[in-house]
Amino acid sequence: MKTILVIGAGRSSSSMIRYFLDNAEKENWYIRVGDMNLEMAQDKVGEHSRAEAFQI
């Protein structure tokens, strides 16, 4: 499994994060999304089983 690290969960990263989450199962990815605002990162990740949010 590959881990993809996304730094920043602002508006410009929404499409990219959605793409990673939509393809995580098929591509065997685990997505980590970090932002200064933990709630924003959690909002982007949701309850996805192959992703986690963290605060920077």
PDB file of N, CA and C in Angstrom:
ATOM      1  N   MET A   1       0.841  -1.177   0.000  1.00  0.00           N
ATOM      2  CA  MET A   1       0.000   0.000   0.000  1.00  0.00           C
ATOM      3  C   MET A   1       0.886   1.240   0.000  1.00  0.00           C
ATOM      4  N   LYS A   2       0.537   2.211  -0.838  1.00  0.00           N
ATOM      5  CA  LYS A   2       1.239   3.484  -0.885  1.00  0.00           C
ATOM      6  C   LYS A   2       0.487   4.506  -0.050  1.00  0.00           C
ATOM      7  N   THR A   3       1.224   5.356   0.630  1.00  0.00           N
ATOM      8  CA  THR A   3       0.629   6.435   1.408  1.00  0.00           C
ATOM      9  C   THR A   3       0.849   7.741   0.663  1.00  0.00           C
ATOM     10  N   ILE A   4      -0.244   8.488   0.513  1.00  0.00           N
ATOM     11  CA  ILE A   4      -0.178   9.791  -0.141  1.00  0.00           C
ATOM     12  C   ILE A   4      -0.418  10.849   0.929  1.00  0.00           C
ATOM     13  N   LEU A   5       0.501  11.793   1.017  1.00  0.00           N
ATOM     14  CA  LEU A   5       0.416  12.865   2.002  1.00  0.00           C
ATOM     15  C   LEU A   5       0.003  14.153   1.305  1.00  0.00           C
ATOM     16  N   VAL A   6      -1.086  14.741   1.779  1.00  0.00           N
ATOM     17  CA  VAL A   6      -1.573  16.010   1.242  1.00  0.00           C
ATOM     18  C   VAL A   6      -1.419  17.052   2.349  1.00  0.00           C
ATOM     19  N   ILE A   7      -0.663  18.089   2.069  1.00  0.00           N
ATOM     20  CA  ILE A   7      -0.484  19.174   3.027  1.00  0.00           C
ATOM     21  C   ILE A   7      -1.371  20.331   2.583  1.00  0.00           C
ATOM     22  N   GLY A   8      -2.371  20.620   3.380  1.00  0.00           N
ATOM     23  CA  GLY A   8      -3.309  21.692   3.077  1.00  0.00           C
ATOM     24  C   GLY A   8      -4.634  21.132   2.581  1.00  0.00           C
ATOM     25  N   ALA A   9      -5.715  21.579   3.205  1.00  0.00           N
ATOM     26  CA  ALA A   9      -7.043  21.086   2.844  1.00  0.00           C
ATOM     27  C   ALA A   9      -7.946  22.239   2.419  1.00  0.00           C
ATOM     28  N   GLY A  10      -7.357  23.273   1.849  1.00  0.00           N
ATOM     29  CA  GLY A  10      -8.135  24.426   1.403  1.00  0.00           C
ATOM     30  C   GLY A  10      -8.914  24.130   0.136  1.00  0.00           C
ATOM     31  N   ARG A  11      -9.543  25.151  -0.396  1.00  0.00           N
ATOM     32  CA  ARG A  11     -10.393  24.996  -1.577  1.00  0.00           C
ATOM     33  C   ARG A  11      -9.663  24.409  -2.771  1.00  0.00           C
ATOM     34  N   SER A  12      -8.434  24.838  -2.995  1.00  0.00           N
ATOM     35  CA  SER A  12      -7.715  24.388  -4.190  1.00  0.00           C
ATOM     36  C   SER A  12      -7.353  22.904  -4.138  1.00  0.00           C
ATOM     37  N   SER A  13      -7.372  22.303  -2.975  1.00  0.00           N
ATOM     38  CA  SER A  13      -7.026  20.883  -2.866  1.00  0.00           C
ATOM     39  C   SER A  13      -8.245  19.958  -2.897  1.00  0.00           C
ATOM     40  N   SER A  14      -9.438  20.499  -2.888  1.00  0.00           N
ATOM     41  CA  SER A  14     -10.657  19.688  -2.808  1.00  0.00           C
ATOM     42  C   SER A  14     -10.762  18.660  -3.923  1.00  0.00           C
ATOM     43  N   SER A  15     -10.538  19.071  -5.154  1.00  0.00           N
ATOM     44  CA  SER A  15     -10.653  18.150  -6.299  1.00  0.00           C
ATOM     45  C   SER A  15      -9.605  17.051  -6.233  1.00  0.00           C
ATOM     46  N   MET A  16      -8.386  17.423  -5.857  1.00  0.00           N
ATOM     47  CA  MET A  16      -7.319  16.433  -5.768  1.00  0.00           C
ATOM     48  C   MET A  16      -7.614  15.408  -4.673  1.00  0.00           C
ATOM     49  N   ILE A  17      -8.043  15.871  -3.507  1.00  0.00           N
ATOM     50  CA  ILE A  17      -8.353  14.957  -2.404  1.00  0.00           C
ATOM     51  C   ILE A  17      -9.499  14.031  -2.801  1.00  0.00           C
ATOM     52  N   ARG A  18     -10.527  14.575  -3.427  1.00  0.00           N
ATOM     53  CA  ARG A  18     -11.657  13.767  -3.871  1.00  0.00           C
ATOM     54  C   ARG A  18     -11.194  12.685  -4.861  1.00  0.00           C
ATOM     55  N   TYR A  19     -10.301  13.048  -5.795  1.00  0.00           N
ATOM     56  CA  TYR A  19      -9.754  12.085  -6.742  1.00  0.00           C
ATOM     57  C   TYR A  19      -9.022  10.959  -6.010  1.00  0.00           C
ATOM     58  N   PHE A  20      -8.161  11.321  -5.064  1.00  0.00           N
ATOM     59  CA  PHE A  20      -7.423  10.307  -4.306  1.00  0.00           C
ATOM     60  C   PHE A  20      -8.373   9.386  -3.548  1.00  0.00           C
ATOM     61  N   LEU A  21      -9.374   9.961  -2.895  1.00  0.00           N
ATOM     62  CA  LEU A  21     -10.320   9.148  -2.126  1.00  0.00           C
ATOM     63  C   LEU A  21     -11.139   8.236  -3.022  1.00  0.00           C
ATOM     64  N   ASP A  22     -11.568   8.749  -4.171  1.00  0.00           N
ATOM     65  CA  ASP A  22     -12.366   7.952  -5.109  1.00  0.00           C
ATOM     66  C   ASP A  22     -11.591   6.770  -5.664  1.00  0.00           C
ATOM     67  N   ASN A  23     -10.270   6.887  -5.744  1.00  0.00           N
ATOM     68  CA  ASN A  23      -9.448   5.841  -6.346  1.00  0.00           C
ATOM     69  C   ASN A  23      -8.597   5.067  -5.343  1.00  0.00           C
ATOM     70  N   ALA A  24      -8.751   5.351  -4.065  1.00  0.00           N
ATOM     71  CA  ALA A  24      -7.898   4.740  -3.037  1.00  0.00           C
ATOM     72  C   ALA A  24      -8.016   3.219  -3.010  1.00  0.00           C
ATOM     73  N   GLU A  25      -9.206   2.693  -3.073  1.00  0.00           N
ATOM     74  CA  GLU A  25      -9.392   1.223  -3.036  1.00  0.00           C
ATOM     75  C   GLU A  25      -8.746   0.573  -4.256  1.00  0.00           C
ATOM     76  N   LYS A  26      -9.072   1.090  -5.418  1.00  0.00           N
ATOM     77  CA  LYS A  26      -8.585   0.508  -6.673  1.00  0.00           C
ATOM     78  C   LYS A  26      -7.063   0.544  -6.783  1.00  0.00           C
ATOM     79  N   GLU A  27      -6.470   1.648  -6.347  1.00  0.00           N
ATOM     80  CA  GLU A  27      -5.019   1.841  -6.485  1.00  0.00           C
ATOM     81  C   GLU A  27      -4.228   1.414  -5.250  1.00  0.00           C
ATOM     82  N   ASN A  28      -4.929   0.973  -4.207  1.00  0.00           N
ATOM     83  CA  ASN A  28      -4.296   0.550  -2.956  1.00  0.00           C
ATOM     84  C   ASN A  28      -3.510   1.699  -2.310  1.00  0.00           C
ATOM     85  N   TRP A  29      -4.200   2.829  -2.135  1.00  0.00           N
ATOM     86  CA  TRP A  29      -3.621   4.022  -1.537  1.00  0.00           C
ATOM     87  C   TRP A  29      -4.181   4.233  -0.142  1.00  0.00           C
ATOM     88  N   TYR A  30      -3.393   4.871   0.719  1.00  0.00           N
ATOM     89  CA  TYR A  30      -3.850   5.385   2.002  1.00  0.00           C
ATOM     90  C   TYR A  30      -3.555   6.875   1.973  1.00  0.00           C
ATOM     91  N   ILE A  31      -4.557   7.698   2.230  1.00  0.00           N
ATOM     92  CA  ILE A  31      -4.434   9.141   2.087  1.00  0.00           C
ATOM     93  C   ILE A  31      -4.376   9.803   3.461  1.00  0.00           C
ATOM     94  N   ARG A  32      -3.362  10.650   3.679  1.00  0.00           N
ATOM     95  CA  ARG A  32      -3.249  11.442   4.904  1.00  0.00           C
ATOM     96  C   ARG A  32      -3.366  12.904   4.504  1.00  0.00           C
ATOM     97  N   VAL A  33      -4.314  13.606   5.125  1.00  0.00           N
ATOM     98  CA  VAL A  33      -4.552  15.014   4.816  1.00  0.00           C
ATOM     99  C   VAL A  33      -4.275  15.835   6.068  1.00  0.00           C
ATOM    100  N   GLY A  34      -3.318  16.733   5.970  1.00  0.00           N
ATOM    101  CA  GLY A  34      -2.954  17.582   7.095  1.00  0.00           C
ATOM    102  C   GLY A  34      -3.232  19.044   6.803  1.00  0.00           C
ATOM    103  N   ASP A  35      -3.685  19.756   7.810  1.00  0.00           N
ATOM    104  CA  ASP A  35      -3.961  21.183   7.671  1.00  0.00           C
ATOM    105  C   ASP A  35      -3.820  21.834   9.041  1.00  0.00           C
ATOM    106  N   MET A  36      -3.639  23.140   9.062  1.00  0.00           N
ATOM    107  CA  MET A  36      -3.582  23.862  10.332  1.00  0.00           C
ATOM    108  C   MET A  36      -4.945  23.825  11.020  1.00  0.00           C
ATOM    109  N   ASN A  37      -6.002  23.740  10.221  1.00  0.00           N
ATOM    110  CA  ASN A  37      -7.367  23.652  10.725  1.00  0.00           C
ATOM    111  C   ASN A  37      -7.813  22.186  10.645  1.00  0.00           C
ATOM    112  N   LEU A  38      -7.810  21.496  11.766  1.00  0.00           N
ATOM    113  CA  LEU A  38      -8.141  20.068  11.786  1.00  0.00           C
ATOM    114  C   LEU A  38      -9.541  19.804  11.254  1.00  0.00           C
ATOM    115  N   GLU A  39     -10.485  20.667  11.590  1.00  0.00           N
ATOM    116  CA  GLU A  39     -11.860  20.463  11.119  1.00  0.00           C
ATOM    117  C   GLU A  39     -11.949  20.497   9.598  1.00  0.00           C
ATOM    118  N   MET A  40     -11.177  21.345   8.961  1.00  0.00           N
ATOM    119  CA  MET A  40     -11.181  21.418   7.503  1.00  0.00           C
ATOM    120  C   MET A  40     -10.643  20.125   6.903  1.00  0.00           C
ATOM    121  N   ALA A  41      -9.559  19.608   7.460  1.00  0.00           N
ATOM    122  CA  ALA A  41      -8.997  18.350   6.972  1.00  0.00           C
ATOM    123  C   ALA A  41      -9.976  17.199   7.201  1.00  0.00           C
ATOM    124  N   GLN A  42     -10.609  17.166   8.350  1.00  0.00           N
ATOM    125  CA  GLN A  42     -11.582  16.112   8.641  1.00  0.00           C
ATOM    126  C   GLN A  42     -12.778  16.193   7.710  1.00  0.00           C
ATOM    127  N   ASP A  43     -13.185  17.395   7.385  1.00  0.00           N
ATOM    128  CA  ASP A  43     -14.310  17.583   6.464  1.00  0.00           C
ATOM    129  C   ASP A  43     -13.987  17.006   5.094  1.00  0.00           C
ATOM    130  N   LYS A  44     -12.760  17.179   4.629  1.00  0.00           N
ATOM    131  CA  LYS A  44     -12.366  16.672   3.310  1.00  0.00           C
ATOM    132  C   LYS A  44     -12.269  15.147   3.299  1.00  0.00           C
ATOM    133  N   VAL A  45     -11.812  14.564   4.404  1.00  0.00           N
ATOM    134  CA  VAL A  45     -11.619  13.113   4.483  1.00  0.00           C
ATOM    135  C   VAL A  45     -12.926  12.383   4.769  1.00  0.00           C
ATOM    136  N   GLY A  46     -13.754  12.967   5.588  1.00  0.00           N
ATOM    137  CA  GLY A  46     -15.015  12.322   5.954  1.00  0.00           C
ATOM    138  C   GLY A  46     -14.760  11.043   6.737  1.00  0.00           C
ATOM    139  N   GLU A  47     -15.539  10.033   6.453  1.00  0.00           N
ATOM    140  CA  GLU A  47     -15.426   8.738   7.135  1.00  0.00           C
ATOM    141  C   GLU A  47     -14.747   7.692   6.260  1.00  0.00           C
ATOM    142  N   HIS A  48     -13.945   8.126   5.316  1.00  0.00           N
ATOM    143  CA  HIS A  48     -13.309   7.190   4.382  1.00  0.00           C
ATOM    144  C   HIS A  48     -12.389   6.233   5.138  1.00  0.00           C
ATOM    145  N   SER A  49     -12.485   4.965   4.808  1.00  0.00           N
ATOM    146  CA  SER A  49     -11.711   3.941   5.528  1.00  0.00           C
ATOM    147  C   SER A  49     -10.222   3.951   5.177  1.00  0.00           C
ATOM    148  N   ARG A  50      -9.857   4.568   4.086  1.00  0.00           N
ATOM    149  CA  ARG A  50      -8.454   4.603   3.678  1.00  0.00           C
ATOM    150  C   ARG A  50      -7.856   6.005   3.768  1.00  0.00           C
ATOM    151  N   ALA A  51      -8.356   6.778   4.727  1.00  0.00           N
ATOM    152  CA  ALA A  51      -7.857   8.146   4.858  1.00  0.00           C
ATOM    153  C   ALA A  51      -7.925   8.596   6.303  1.00  0.00           C
ATOM    154  N   GLU A  52      -7.065   9.560   6.615  1.00  0.00           N
ATOM    155  CA  GLU A  52      -7.084  10.162   7.942  1.00  0.00           C
ATOM    156  C   GLU A  52      -6.706  11.629   7.824  1.00  0.00           C
ATOM    157  N   ALA A  53      -7.196  12.413   8.762  1.00  0.00           N
ATOM    158  CA  ALA A  53      -6.883  13.833   8.831  1.00  0.00           C
ATOM    159  C   ALA A  53      -6.033  14.081  10.072  1.00  0.00           C
ATOM    160  N   PHE A  54      -5.160  15.082   9.958  1.00  0.00           N
ATOM    161  CA  PHE A  54      -4.349  15.450  11.124  1.00  0.00           C
ATOM    162  C   PHE A  54      -4.065  16.938  11.077  1.00  0.00           C
ATOM    163  N   GLN A  55      -3.722  17.486  12.234  1.00  0.00           N
ATOM    164  CA  GLN A  55      -3.427  18.910  12.334  1.00  0.00           C
ATOM    165  C   GLN A  55      -1.935  19.136  12.253  1.00  0.00           C
ATOM    166  N   ILE A  56      -1.554  20.159  11.510  1.00  0.00           N
ATOM    167  CA  ILE A  56      -0.132  20.530  11.369  1.00  0.00           C
ATOM    168  C   ILE A  56       0.173  21.598  12.413  1.00  0.00           C
TER     169      ILE A  56
END
